[in-house]
C-alpha atoms as a PDB file:
ATOM      1  CA  MET A   1      73.408 -77.023-112.372  1.00  0.00           C
ATOM      2  CA  ALA A   2      75.184 -73.760-111.808  1.00  0.00           C
ATOM      3  CA  GLU A   3      73.355 -70.523-112.497  1.00  0.00           C
ATOM      4  CA  GLU A   4      74.527 -68.663-115.581  1.00  0.00           C
ATOM      5  CA  GLU A   5      76.591 -65.587-114.929  1.00  0.00           C
ATOM      6  CA  LYS A   6      74.674 -62.313-115.278  1.00  0.00           C
ATOM      7  CA  ALA A   7      75.552 -58.593-115.730  1.00  0.00           C
ATOM      8  CA  ASN A   8      74.723 -56.674-112.631  1.00  0.00           C
ATOM      9  CA  ILE A   9      72.093 -54.220-113.754  1.00  0.00           C
ATOM     10  CA  LEU A  10      70.454 -51.372-111.736  1.00  0.00           C
ATOM     11  CA  ILE A  11      67.539 -49.495-113.185  1.00  0.00           C
ATOM     12  CA  TYR A  12      66.068 -46.527-111.297  1.00  0.00           C
ATOM     13  CA  ILE A  13      62.264 -46.424-111.696  1.00  0.00           C
ATOM     14  CA  LEU A  14      61.185 -42.786-111.659  1.00  0.00           C
ATOM     15  CA  GLY A  15      58.055 -41.337-110.112  1.00  0.00           C
ATOM     16  CA  TYR A  16      57.008 -37.908-108.836  1.00  0.00           C
ATOM     17  CA  ASP A  17      54.609 -38.306-105.861  1.00  0.00           C
ATOM     18  CA  ASN A  18      52.990 -40.725-103.521  1.00  0.00           C
ATOM     19  CA  GLU A  19      50.523 -42.015-106.183  1.00  0.00           C
ATOM     20  CA  THR A  20      53.323 -42.824-108.654  1.00  0.00           C
ATOM     21  CA  LEU A  21      55.448 -44.275-105.823  1.00  0.00           C
ATOM     22  CA  HIS A  22      52.527 -46.631-105.048  1.00  0.00           C
ATOM     23  CA  ASN A  23      52.147 -47.622-108.699  1.00  0.00           C
ATOM     24  CA  ALA A  24      55.941 -48.094-109.195  1.00  0.00           C
ATOM     25  CA  MET A  25      55.951 -50.366-106.101  1.00  0.00           C
ATOM     26  CA  ALA A  26      53.160 -52.427-107.527  1.00  0.00           C
ATOM     27  CA  LEU A  27      54.780 -52.774-110.976  1.00  0.00           C
ATOM     28  CA  PHE A  28      58.441 -53.000-110.180  1.00  0.00           C
ATOM     29  CA  GLY A  29      58.829 -53.607-106.396  1.00  0.00           C
ATOM     30  CA  ASN A  30      59.592 -57.248-106.710  1.00  0.00           C
ATOM     31  CA  TYR A  31      62.447 -56.934-109.157  1.00  0.00           C
ATOM     32  CA  LYS A  32      66.112 -57.034-107.788  1.00  0.00           C
ATOM     33  CA  TRP A  33      67.304 -54.863-110.564  1.00  0.00           C
ATOM     34  CA  ALA A  34      64.815 -52.006-109.933  1.00  0.00           C
ATOM     35  CA  LYS A  35      65.117 -49.174-107.455  1.00  0.00           C
ATOM     36  CA  ILE A  36      62.359 -46.598-107.178  1.00  0.00           C
ATOM     37  CA  VAL A  37      63.139 -42.902-106.965  1.00  0.00           C
ATOM     38  CA  ILE A  38      60.826 -39.923-106.502  1.00  0.00           C
ATOM     39  CA  LEU A  39      61.983 -36.866-108.355  1.00  0.00           C
ATOM     40  CA  PRO A  40      61.037 -33.256-107.852  1.00  0.00           C
ATOM     41  CA  ALA A  41      58.636 -31.845-110.532  1.00  0.00           C
ATOM     42  CA  THR A  42      60.816 -29.736-112.793  1.00  0.00           C
ATOM     43  CA  LEU A  43      60.873 -28.919-116.493  1.00  0.00           C
ATOM     44  CA  LEU A  44      63.689 -31.436-116.894  1.00  0.00           C
ATOM     45  CA  PHE A  45      61.384 -34.251-115.948  1.00  0.00           C
ATOM     46  CA  GLU A  46      63.423 -37.540-115.972  1.00  0.00           C
ATOM     47  CA  ASN A  47      66.528 -35.533-117.052  1.00  0.00           C
ATOM     48  CA  TYR A  48      66.822 -34.368-113.478  1.00  0.00           C
ATOM     49  CA  MET A  49      68.659 -37.649-113.000  1.00  0.00           C
ATOM     50  CA  TYR A  50      71.593 -36.518-115.223  1.00  0.00           C
ATOM     51  CA  ASP A  51      71.466 -32.964-113.900  1.00  0.00           C
ATOM     52  CA  LYS A  52      71.832 -33.751-110.193  1.00  0.00           C
ATOM     53  CA  TRP A  53      70.560 -37.080-108.769  1.00  0.00           C
ATOM     54  CA  LEU A  54      72.990 -39.636-110.312  1.00  0.00           C
ATOM     55  CA  ILE A  55      76.062 -37.643-109.278  1.00  0.00           C
ATOM     56  CA  GLU A  56      74.720 -37.127-105.845  1.00  0.00           C
ATOM     57  CA  HIS A  57      74.251 -40.881-105.449  1.00  0.00           C
ATOM     58  CA  TYR A  58      77.291 -41.990-107.509  1.00  0.00           C
ATOM     59  CA  ASP A  59      78.583 -44.508-104.846  1.00  0.00           C
ATOM     60  CA  GLU A  60      75.337 -46.388-105.052  1.00  0.00           C
ATOM     61  CA  TRP A  61      75.611 -47.266-108.773  1.00  0.00           C
ATOM     62  CA  LYS A  62      79.236 -46.974-109.659  1.00  0.00           C
ATOM     63  CA  ASP A  63      80.089 -50.638-109.244  1.00  0.00           C
ATOM     64  CA  TYR A  64      77.179 -52.072-111.340  1.00  0.00           C
ATOM     65  CA  ASP A  65      77.823 -53.310-114.828  1.00  0.00           C
ATOM     66  CA  TYR A  66      74.894 -51.153-116.207  1.00  0.00           C
ATOM     67  CA  VAL A  67      72.807 -48.380-114.828  1.00  0.00           C
ATOM     68  CA  GLY A  68      69.948 -46.404-116.240  1.00  0.00           C
ATOM     69  CA  THR A  69      66.352 -45.281-115.845  1.00  0.00           C
ATOM     70  CA  LEU A  70      62.702 -46.135-116.697  1.00  0.00           C
ATOM     71  CA  SER A  71      59.535 -44.291-115.865  1.00  0.00           C
ATOM     72  CA  TRP A  72      57.089 -45.975-113.422  1.00  0.00           C
ATOM     73  CA  ARG A  73      54.669 -46.165-116.360  1.00  0.00           C
ATOM     74  CA  ALA A  74      57.124 -47.663-118.911  1.00  0.00           C
ATOM     75  CA  LYS A  75      55.147 -50.845-119.187  1.00  0.00           C
ATOM     76  CA  ASP A  76      52.140 -48.908-120.486  1.00  0.00           C
ATOM     77  CA  LYS A  77      54.213 -47.587-123.355  1.00  0.00           C
ATOM     78  CA  ILE A  78      56.580 -50.390-124.349  1.00  0.00           C
ATOM     79  CA  MET A  79      57.436 -54.100-124.194  1.00  0.00           C
ATOM     80  CA  LEU A  80      60.390 -54.655-121.841  1.00  0.00           C
ATOM     81  CA  PRO A  81      62.812 -57.545-122.396  1.00  0.00           C
ATOM     82  CA  ASP A  82      63.157 -60.305-119.828  1.00  0.00           C
ATOM     83  CA  MET A  83      65.835 -58.651-117.609  1.00  0.00           C
ATOM     84  CA  ASP A  84      67.354 -62.067-116.434  1.00  0.00           C
ATOM     85  CA  LYS A  85      67.829 -63.061-120.075  1.00  0.00           C
ATOM     86  CA  LEU A  86      69.188 -59.638-120.878  1.00  0.00           C
ATOM     87  CA  ALA A  87      71.625 -59.809-118.003  1.00  0.00           C
ATOM     88  CA  ILE A  88      72.998 -63.241-119.122  1.00  0.00           C
ATOM     89  CA  PHE A  89      73.290 -61.979-122.797  1.00  0.00           C
ATOM     90  CA  LEU A  90      75.149 -58.827-121.788  1.00  0.00           C
ATOM     91  CA  LYS A  91      77.514 -60.834-119.566  1.00  0.00           C
ATOM     92  CA  ASN A  92      78.317 -63.320-122.401  1.00  0.00           C
ATOM     93  CA  GLU A  93      78.543 -60.825-125.304  1.00  0.00           C
ATOM     94  CA  LYS A  94      80.438 -58.135-123.408  1.00  0.00           C
ATOM     95  CA  ILE A  95      80.434 -55.708-126.477  1.00  0.00           C
ATOM     96  CA  TYR A  96      77.240 -53.632-126.013  1.00  0.00           C
ATOM     97  CA  ASP A  97      77.748 -50.396-124.071  1.00  0.00           C
ATOM     98  CA  VAL A  98      74.185 -49.020-124.413  1.00  0.00           C
ATOM     99  CA  VAL A  99      70.834 -50.768-124.146  1.00  0.00           C
ATOM    100  CA  PRO A 100      67.722 -48.599-125.145  1.00  0.00           C
ATOM    101  CA  PHE A 101      64.293 -49.863-124.339  1.00  0.00           C
ATOM    102  CA  PHE A 102      62.090 -47.485-126.387  1.00  0.00           C
ATOM    103  CA  VAL A 103      63.264 -47.432-129.991  1.00  0.00           C
ATOM    104  CA  ILE A 104      61.270 -45.976-132.781  1.00  0.00           C
ATOM    105  CA  ASP A 105      62.329 -47.189-136.303  1.00  0.00           C
ATOM    106  CA  SER A 106      59.292 -46.085-138.089  1.00  0.00           C
ATOM    107  CA  MET A 107      60.178 -42.968-140.206  1.00  0.00           C
ATOM    108  CA  ASP A 108      56.479 -42.177-140.632  1.00  0.00           C
ATOM    109  CA  HIS A 109      56.181 -41.999-136.819  1.00  0.00           C
ATOM    110  CA  ILE A 110      59.408 -39.878-136.501  1.00  0.00           C
ATOM    111  CA  ASN A 111      58.466 -37.584-139.335  1.00  0.00           C
ATOM    112  CA  ASP A 112      54.941 -37.199-137.827  1.00  0.00           C
ATOM    113  CA  ILE A 113      56.420 -36.076-134.445  1.00  0.00           C
ATOM    114  CA  ASP A 114      58.836 -33.749-136.163  1.00  0.00           C
ATOM    115  CA  ARG A 115      55.964 -32.133-138.105  1.00  0.00           C
ATOM    116  CA  ARG A 116      53.999 -31.508-134.965  1.00  0.00           C
ATOM    117  CA  GLN A 117      57.043 -30.477-132.827  1.00  0.00           C
ATOM    118  CA  PRO A 118      59.432 -28.713-135.374  1.00  0.00           C
ATOM    119  CA  LEU A 119      61.083 -26.751-132.662  1.00  0.00           C
ATOM    120  CA  ASN A 120      62.960 -29.797-131.371  1.00  0.00           C
ATOM    121  CA  ASN A 121      65.217 -30.061-134.370  1.00  0.00           C
ATOM    122  CA  ILE A 122      65.683 -26.326-134.653  1.00  0.00           C
ATOM    123  CA  ILE A 123      66.969 -26.143-131.095  1.00  0.00           C
ATOM    124  CA  LEU A 124      69.074 -29.323-131.375  1.00  0.00           C
ATOM    125  CA  ASN A 125      70.675 -28.152-134.617  1.00  0.00           C
ATOM    126  CA  ARG A 126      71.670 -24.899-132.816  1.00  0.00           C
ATOM    127  CA  LEU A 127      72.895 -26.785-129.738  1.00  0.00           C
ATOM    128  CA  PHE A 128      74.997 -29.324-131.530  1.00  0.00           C
ATOM    129  CA  GLN A 129      76.491 -26.654-133.749  1.00  0.00           C
ATOM    130  CA  LYS A 130      77.384 -24.647-130.625  1.00  0.00           C
ATOM    131  CA  LEU A 131      79.081 -27.862-129.261  1.00  0.00           C
ATOM    132  CA  GLY A 132      81.261 -28.114-132.431  1.00  0.00           C
ATOM    133  CA  PHE A 133      79.429 -30.887-134.278  1.00  0.00           C
ATOM    134  CA  PRO A 134      79.002 -30.782-138.058  1.00  0.00           C
ATOM    135  CA  ASP A 135      76.063 -28.590-139.433  1.00  0.00           C
ATOM    136  CA  ASN A 136      74.304 -31.765-140.770  1.00  0.00           C
ATOM    137  CA  TYR A 137      74.911 -33.889-137.740  1.00  0.00           C
ATOM    138  CA  LEU A 138      71.228 -34.413-136.955  1.00  0.00           C
ATOM    139  CA  LYS A 139      70.736 -35.993-140.384  1.00  0.00           C
ATOM    140  CA  SER A 140      73.135 -38.837-139.421  1.00  0.00           C
ATOM    141  CA  ASN A 141      71.670 -42.381-139.210  1.00  0.00           C
ATOM    142  CA  PHE A 142      70.833 -42.819-135.457  1.00  0.00           C
ATOM    143  CA  ILE A 143      69.148 -45.576-133.553  1.00  0.00           C
ATOM    144  CA  GLN A 144      66.483 -43.268-132.090  1.00  0.00           C
ATOM    145  CA  PHE A 145      65.495 -43.971-128.564  1.00  0.00           C
ATOM    146  CA  TYR A 146      63.273 -41.947-126.268  1.00  0.00           C
ATOM    147  CA  CYS A 147      61.759 -41.177-122.891  1.00  0.00           C
ATOM    148  CA  ASN A 148      65.020 -41.814-121.043  1.00  0.00           C
ATOM    149  CA  TYR A 149      64.391 -45.531-121.054  1.00  0.00           C
ATOM    150  CA  TRP A 150      67.937 -46.846-121.446  1.00  0.00           C
ATOM    151  CA  ILE A 151      71.001 -48.265-119.510  1.00  0.00           C
ATOM    152  CA  THR A 152      74.634 -47.967-120.079  1.00  0.00           C
ATOM    153  CA  ARG A 153      77.988 -48.718-118.303  1.00  0.00           C
ATOM    154  CA  PRO A 154      78.765 -46.453-115.359  1.00  0.00           C
ATOM    155  CA  LYS A 155      81.874 -44.989-117.021  1.00  0.00           C
ATOM    156  CA  ILE A 156      79.737 -43.952-119.947  1.00  0.00           C
ATOM    157  CA  MET A 157      76.961 -42.639-117.841  1.00  0.00           C
ATOM    158  CA  ILE A 158      79.526 -40.375-116.125  1.00  0.00           C
ATOM    159  CA  GLU A 159      80.615 -39.149-119.549  1.00  0.00           C
ATOM    160  CA  TYR A 160      76.996 -38.595-120.617  1.00  0.00           C
ATOM    161  CA  ILE A 161      76.322 -36.596-117.459  1.00  0.00           C
ATOM    162  CA  GLN A 162      79.288 -34.370-118.205  1.00  0.00           C
ATOM    163  CA  PHE A 163      78.052 -33.930-121.792  1.00  0.00           C
ATOM    164  CA  PHE A 164      74.437 -33.298-120.449  1.00  0.00           C
ATOM    165  CA  HIS A 165      75.771 -30.344-118.300  1.00  0.00           C
ATOM    166  CA  LYS A 166      77.590 -28.818-121.309  1.00  0.00           C
ATOM    167  CA  CYS A 167      74.268 -29.001-123.171  1.00  0.00           C
ATOM    168  CA  LYS A 168      72.229 -27.550-120.380  1.00  0.00           C
ATOM    169  CA  GLU A 169      74.628 -24.608-119.899  1.00  0.00           C
ATOM    170  CA  ILE A 170      74.321 -23.714-123.643  1.00  0.00           C
ATOM    171  CA  ILE A 171      70.553 -24.264-123.584  1.00  0.00           C
ATOM    172  CA  ASP A 172      70.149 -21.952-120.658  1.00  0.00           C
ATOM    173  CA  ASP A 173      72.442 -19.245-121.922  1.00  0.00           C
ATOM    174  CA  ASP A 174      71.977 -19.178-125.654  1.00  0.00           C
ATOM    175  CA  ALA A 175      69.550 -16.429-126.638  1.00  0.00           C
ATOM    176  CA  GLU A 176      68.633 -18.159-129.931  1.00  0.00           C
ATOM    177  CA  ILE A 177      67.748 -21.365-128.144  1.00  0.00           C
ATOM    178  CA  GLN A 178      65.795 -19.479-125.303  1.00  0.00           C
ATOM    179  CA  LYS A 179      63.791 -17.736-128.096  1.00  0.00           C
ATOM    180  CA  HIS A 180      62.552 -21.055-129.427  1.00  0.00           C
ATOM    181  CA  ILE A 181      62.373 -23.339-126.380  1.00  0.00           C
ATOM    182  CA  TRP A 182      59.761 -21.374-124.676  1.00  0.00           C
ATOM    183  CA  LYS A 183      57.333 -21.279-127.579  1.00  0.00           C
ATOM    184  CA  TYR A 184      54.142 -23.170-127.481  1.00  0.00           C
ATOM    185  CA  VAL A 185      54.531 -26.874-128.253  1.00  0.00           C
ATOM    186  CA  GLU A 186      51.879 -29.385-129.089  1.00  0.00           C
ATOM    187  CA  TYR A 187      51.606 -32.254-126.533  1.00  0.00           C
ATOM    188  CA  ASN A 188      48.804 -34.213-124.957  1.00  0.00           C
ATOM    189  CA  SER A 189      49.901 -34.657-121.329  1.00  0.00           C
ATOM    190  CA  THR A 190      48.410 -36.753-118.534  1.00  0.00           C
ATOM    191  CA  LEU A 191      49.290 -33.802-116.212  1.00  0.00           C
ATOM    192  CA  ASP A 192      46.446 -31.538-115.130  1.00  0.00           C
ATOM    193  CA  ASP A 193      46.603 -27.807-115.914  1.00  0.00           C
ATOM    194  CA  ALA A 194      47.617 -26.926-112.253  1.00  0.00           C
ATOM    195  CA  ASN A 195      50.655 -29.241-112.396  1.00  0.00           C
ATOM    196  CA  ILE A 196      51.689 -27.997-115.845  1.00  0.00           C
ATOM    197  CA  LYS A 197      51.499 -24.436-114.552  1.00  0.00           C
ATOM    198  CA  LYS A 198      53.471 -25.340-111.498  1.00  0.00           C
ATOM    199  CA  ILE A 199      56.298 -26.888-113.670  1.00  0.00           C
ATOM    200  CA  PHE A 200      56.410 -24.418-116.555  1.00  0.00           C
ATOM    201  CA  GLY A 201      54.929 -21.276-115.048  1.00  0.00           C
ATOM    202  CA  ARG A 202      52.144 -21.336-117.635  1.00  0.00           C
ATOM    203  CA  PRO A 203      49.383 -23.634-118.710  1.00  0.00           C
ATOM    204  CA  SER A 204      51.260 -25.333-121.554  1.00  0.00           C
ATOM    205  CA  PHE A 205      54.561 -27.210-122.119  1.00  0.00           C
ATOM    206  CA  SER A 206      57.800 -25.692-123.349  1.00  0.00           C
ATOM    207  CA  SER A 207      60.185 -27.822-125.420  1.00  0.00           C
ATOM    208  CA  HIS A 208      62.679 -28.590-122.582  1.00  0.00           C
ATOM    209  CA  PRO A 209      61.625 -32.191-121.958  1.00  0.00           C
ATOM    210  CA  PHE A 210      61.476 -33.118-125.665  1.00  0.00           C
ATOM    211  CA  VAL A 211      64.825 -31.628-126.427  1.00  0.00           C
ATOM    212  CA  TYR A 212      66.584 -33.206-123.492  1.00  0.00           C
ATOM    213  CA  GLU A 213      65.121 -36.686-124.117  1.00  0.00           C
ATOM    214  CA  ARG A 214      66.706 -36.696-127.651  1.00  0.00           C
ATOM    215  CA  ILE A 215      70.208 -35.809-126.483  1.00  0.00           C
ATOM    216  CA  PRO A 216      71.014 -39.416-125.341  1.00  0.00           C
ATOM    217  CA  PHE A 217      70.646 -40.968-128.733  1.00  0.00           C
ATOM    218  CA  LEU A 218      72.322 -38.092-130.492  1.00  0.00           C
ATOM    219  CA  TYR A 219      75.409 -38.490-128.219  1.00  0.00           C
ATOM    220  CA  LEU A 220      75.561 -42.176-127.407  1.00  0.00           C
ATOM    221  CA  ASN A 221      75.528 -43.414-131.021  1.00  0.00           C
ATOM    222  CA  ARG A 222      79.387 -43.546-130.843  1.00  0.00           C
ATOM    223  CA  TYR A 223      79.104 -46.651-128.656  1.00  0.00           C
ATOM    224  CA  PRO A 224      77.869 -50.171-129.515  1.00  0.00           C
ATOM    225  CA  ILE A 225      74.083 -50.163-129.008  1.00  0.00           C
ATOM    226  CA  LEU A 226      71.976 -53.281-128.429  1.00  0.00           C
ATOM    227  CA  HIS A 227      69.082 -52.626-130.767  1.00  0.00           C
ATOM    228  CA  PRO A 228      65.786 -54.249-129.548  1.00  0.00           C
ATOM    229  CA  GLY A 229      65.631 -56.065-132.891  1.00  0.00           C
ATOM    230  CA  LEU A 230      68.811 -58.023-131.991  1.00  0.00           C
ATOM    231  CA  SER A 231      67.371 -58.609-128.506  1.00  0.00           C
ATOM    232  CA  TYR A 232      64.301 -60.056-130.088  1.00  0.00           C
ATOM    233  CA  LYS A 233      66.325 -62.244-132.445  1.00  0.00           C
ATOM    234  CA  ASN A 234      68.240 -63.566-129.446  1.00  0.00           C
ATOM    235  CA  GLY A 235      65.066 -64.453-127.546  1.00  0.00           C
ATOM    236  CA  LEU A 236      65.407 -61.832-124.865  1.00  0.00           C
ATOM    237  CA  TYR A 237      61.769 -60.726-124.930  1.00  0.00           C
ATOM    238  CA  PRO A 238      59.005 -62.763-123.279  1.00  0.00           C
ATOM    239  CA  LEU A 239      57.940 -65.669-125.461  1.00  0.00           C
ATOM    240  CA  ASN A 240      54.558 -64.205-126.252  1.00  0.00           C
ATOM    241  CA  THR A 241      55.889 -60.915-127.628  1.00  0.00           C
ATOM    242  CA  LYS A 242      55.024 -60.069-131.097  1.00  0.00           C
ATOM    243  CA  ASN A 243      57.219 -58.223-133.588  1.00  0.00           C
ATOM    244  CA  GLU A 244      55.437 -55.406-135.431  1.00  0.00           C
ATOM    245  CA  HIS A 245      57.922 -55.797-138.225  1.00  0.00           C
ATOM    246  CA  LYS A 246      57.276 -59.558-138.731  1.00  0.00           C
ATOM    247  CA  ASN A 247      59.511 -59.969-141.764  1.00  0.00           C
ATOM    248  CA  ASN A 248      62.494 -57.985-140.414  1.00  0.00           C
ATOM    249  CA  ASN A 249      63.540 -58.606-136.861  1.00  0.00           C
ATOM    250  CA  ASP A 250      66.348 -55.983-137.254  1.00  0.00           C
ATOM    251  CA  HIS A 251      63.512 -53.438-137.031  1.00  0.00           C
ATOM    252  CA  PHE A 252      61.662 -54.840-133.967  1.00  0.00           C
ATOM    253  CA  ASN A 253      59.832 -51.731-132.682  1.00  0.00           C
ATOM    254  CA  THR A 254      59.514 -51.462-128.909  1.00  0.00           C
ATOM    255  CA  SER A 255      57.056 -48.559-129.340  1.00  0.00           C
ATOM    256  CA  ILE A 256      54.191 -50.880-130.256  1.00  0.00           C
ATOM    257  CA  LYS A 257      52.474 -50.793-126.928  1.00  0.00           C
ATOM    258  CA  LEU A 258      50.481 -47.655-126.983  1.00  0.00           C
ATOM    259  CA  TRP A 259      47.610 -46.039-125.108  1.00  0.00           C
ATOM    260  CA  ILE A 260      44.285 -45.983-126.915  1.00  0.00           C
ATOM    261  CA  GLY A 261      42.300 -42.756-126.625  1.00  0.00           C
ATOM    262  CA  LYS A 262      43.824 -39.239-126.233  1.00  0.00           C
ATOM    263  CA  HIS A 263      47.363 -40.737-125.888  1.00  0.00           C
ATOM    264  CA  LEU A 264      47.015 -42.123-129.410  1.00  0.00           C
ATOM    265  CA  SER A 265      47.157 -38.568-130.831  1.00  0.00           C
ATOM    266  CA  SER A 266      50.322 -37.885-128.971  1.00  0.00           C
ATOM    267  CA  CYS A 267      51.983 -40.682-130.891  1.00  0.00           C
ATOM    268  CA  PHE A 268      50.400 -40.750-134.346  1.00  0.00           C
ATOM    269  CA  SER A 269      48.531 -38.368-136.552  1.00  0.00           C
ATOM    270  CA  ILE A 270      45.318 -39.453-138.204  1.00  0.00           C
ATOM    271  CA  ASN A 271      46.894 -38.508-141.486  1.00  0.00           C
ATOM    272  CA  LEU A 272      48.493 -42.009-141.485  1.00  0.00           C
ATOM    273  CA  LYS A 273      46.349 -44.504-143.491  1.00  0.00           C
ATOM    274  CA  LYS A 274      46.912 -47.404-141.163  1.00  0.00           C
ATOM    275  CA  ILE A 275      48.096 -47.653-137.562  1.00  0.00           C
ATOM    276  CA  LYS A 276      49.376 -50.856-135.942  1.00  0.00           C
ATOM    277  CA  ILE A 277      48.761 -50.981-132.216  1.00  0.00           C
ATOM    278  CA  ALA A 278      49.746 -53.822-129.813  1.00  0.00           C
ATOM    279  CA  HIS A 279      48.187 -53.677-126.406  1.00  0.00           C
ATOM    280  CA  ASP A 280      49.037 -56.450-123.891  1.00  0.00           C
ATOM    281  CA  VAL A 281      50.556 -58.378-126.973  1.00  0.00           C
ATOM    282  CA  LYS A 282      47.250 -58.469-128.833  1.00  0.00           C
ATOM    283  CA  GLU A 283      47.800 -56.633-132.075  1.00  0.00           C
ATOM    284  CA  HIS A 284      45.110 -54.424-133.572  1.00  0.00           C
ATOM    285  CA  ILE A 285      44.995 -52.678-136.951  1.00  0.00           C
ATOM    286  CA  ILE A 286      42.954 -49.454-137.207  1.00  0.00           C
ATOM    287  CA  ASP A 287      42.030 -48.190-140.677  1.00  0.00           C
ATOM    288  CA  PHE A 288      41.031 -44.518-141.224  1.00  0.00           C
END
């Protein structure tokens, strides 16, 4: 029996040092679709790929059907689809240009993040107005995906890289944005104080990584996006994956796999009455 045709997918697995390289090799080293990249430690974090790395290595990925990125620790944050099933689906359907892996549908979750990090939307509103978008553009109905966990077609990746450079130029040069982007931002990081100071020049984060990680979903909404809910409906996730939204597969939430402990507070506020957590596909409910 002939093997089904598959879309040719390349995903760069991003790390920052020898330790993360070792971890990435252990987690992703056996996958044909994965290639590990060690990035310099900058305030762009994974967005360094769009700033420089992808253009510098264009010949390596230009002939793939889809290209994108994941962090070496993505499996600690989210459920990933079965990439072989995804590749077959994308080859057969042919209509989807963007495939995000970390989608948040819960408005409680999104609103909680916005309450704790209000500078993101202030900066993004200013940025997109400067780019010529409508004043209320950020209030549009987006599929919100995060952490630079996404793939797209190479021609769209090139387009996004060009858009990213326009954004970066405005962010770096606009006095109003600079006034806000360097203010203190609440974030529980796994980085130690020495590394934070090395990256930001101070012992706390700026808003740069949080602003940049939102630009993809704000720009790429113009293209057909394969929502994880549809992937789930079509059986593209491992068979033992549970849907947090059990009665509505259109709102399958790939952000259900969360760390317990200090990382929990970086995702949810204890002001929520109930939190659903799935860890290694075992679902737990915590009441406060």
